[in-house]
Amino acid sequence: MWKLAMILFIIIGPTLAGLGALVPLSIYGVGTFNALLLVGGAATGAAIAIPVSYWVATRLGALMDASSART
C-alpha cells in the first residue's frame, strides 16, 4: 500500500503544496506577501498530502481487491 501511496504522492504532494502557496498570495497579494508565509503554506500543503495520499491508496486498494474478487 505504501508503494502506491508514494506514487500518488508524486501527484498529490505538489498539488496541495501549490494550493498552500496560493493562500498567502491570495490573501496578501503578490507585492506585499511574506516569503515565510509562502514557504509555510507550501510545507503545510505537502505535509497534508502524506495522509491524503495514503487514504487515496487505501481506497484504490479496496477497489482493486473488490474488482479482483468479482472475477
Protein backbone atom coordinates (compact mmCIF):
# COMPACT_ATOMS: atom_id res chain seq x y z
CA MET A 1 0.00 0.00 0.00
CA TRP A 2 2.88 2.38 0.74
CA LYS A 3 4.29 1.95 -2.76
CA LEU A 4 1.01 3.09 -4.27
CA ALA A 5 0.82 5.94 -1.76
CA MET A 6 4.28 7.15 -2.75
CA ILE A 7 3.37 7.09 -6.43
CA LEU A 8 0.22 9.06 -5.65
CA PHE A 9 2.25 11.49 -3.53
CA ILE A 10 4.17 12.48 -6.67
CA ILE A 11 0.92 13.99 -7.98
CA ILE A 12 -0.93 14.94 -4.78
CA GLY A 13 2.07 16.48 -2.99
CA PRO A 14 2.88 19.27 -5.44
CA THR A 15 -0.81 19.93 -5.99
CA LEU A 16 -1.54 20.53 -2.31
CA ALA A 17 1.76 22.39 -1.84
CA GLY A 18 0.79 24.70 -4.68
CA LEU A 19 -2.61 25.27 -3.16
CA GLY A 20 -0.96 26.01 0.17
CA ALA A 21 1.34 28.52 -1.50
CA LEU A 22 -1.61 30.21 -3.19
CA VAL A 23 -3.32 31.01 0.11
CA PRO A 24 -0.87 33.73 1.27
CA LEU A 25 -0.65 35.08 -2.27
CA SER A 26 -4.44 35.34 -2.41
CA ILE A 27 -4.73 36.97 0.98
CA TYR A 28 -1.84 39.44 0.87
CA GLY A 29 -1.31 39.90 -2.85
CA VAL A 30 1.86 39.46 -4.85
CA GLY A 31 3.56 42.70 -3.80
CA THR A 32 3.08 42.60 -0.03
CA PHE A 33 3.28 38.94 0.99
CA ASN A 34 5.75 37.50 3.49
CA ALA A 35 8.03 34.84 2.00
CA LEU A 36 7.90 32.85 5.23
CA LEU A 37 4.12 32.52 4.86
CA LEU A 38 4.59 31.30 1.30
CA VAL A 39 7.07 28.62 2.37
CA GLY A 40 4.95 27.70 5.39
CA GLY A 41 1.85 27.30 3.26
CA ALA A 42 3.69 25.12 0.77
CA ALA A 43 5.19 22.97 3.55
CA THR A 44 1.79 22.60 5.20
CA GLY A 45 0.24 21.52 1.91
CA ALA A 46 3.00 18.96 1.38
CA ALA A 47 2.56 17.65 4.92
CA ILE A 48 -1.19 17.30 4.45
CA ALA A 49 -0.53 15.41 1.21
CA ILE A 50 1.06 12.48 3.06
CA PRO A 51 -2.11 11.23 4.81
CA VAL A 52 -4.22 12.18 1.79
CA SER A 53 -2.01 10.03 -0.45
CA TYR A 54 -2.27 7.11 1.93
CA TRP A 55 -6.05 7.50 2.16
CA VAL A 56 -6.39 7.54 -1.65
CA ALA A 57 -4.10 4.50 -1.88
CA THR A 58 -6.22 2.54 0.60
CA ARG A 59 -9.38 3.45 -1.28
CA LEU A 60 -7.83 2.40 -4.59
CA GLY A 61 -6.54 -0.80 -3.00
CA ALA A 62 -10.00 -1.62 -1.71
CA LEU A 63 -11.48 -1.02 -5.15
CA MET A 64 -8.85 -3.23 -6.77
CA ASP A 65 -9.47 -6.01 -4.25
CA ALA A 66 -13.23 -5.78 -4.82
CA SER A 67 -12.84 -5.95 -8.59
CA SER A 68 -10.47 -8.93 -8.42
CA ALA A 69 -12.87 -10.77 -6.10
CA ARG A 70 -15.67 -10.46 -8.68
CA THR A 71 -13.72 -12.12 -11.46
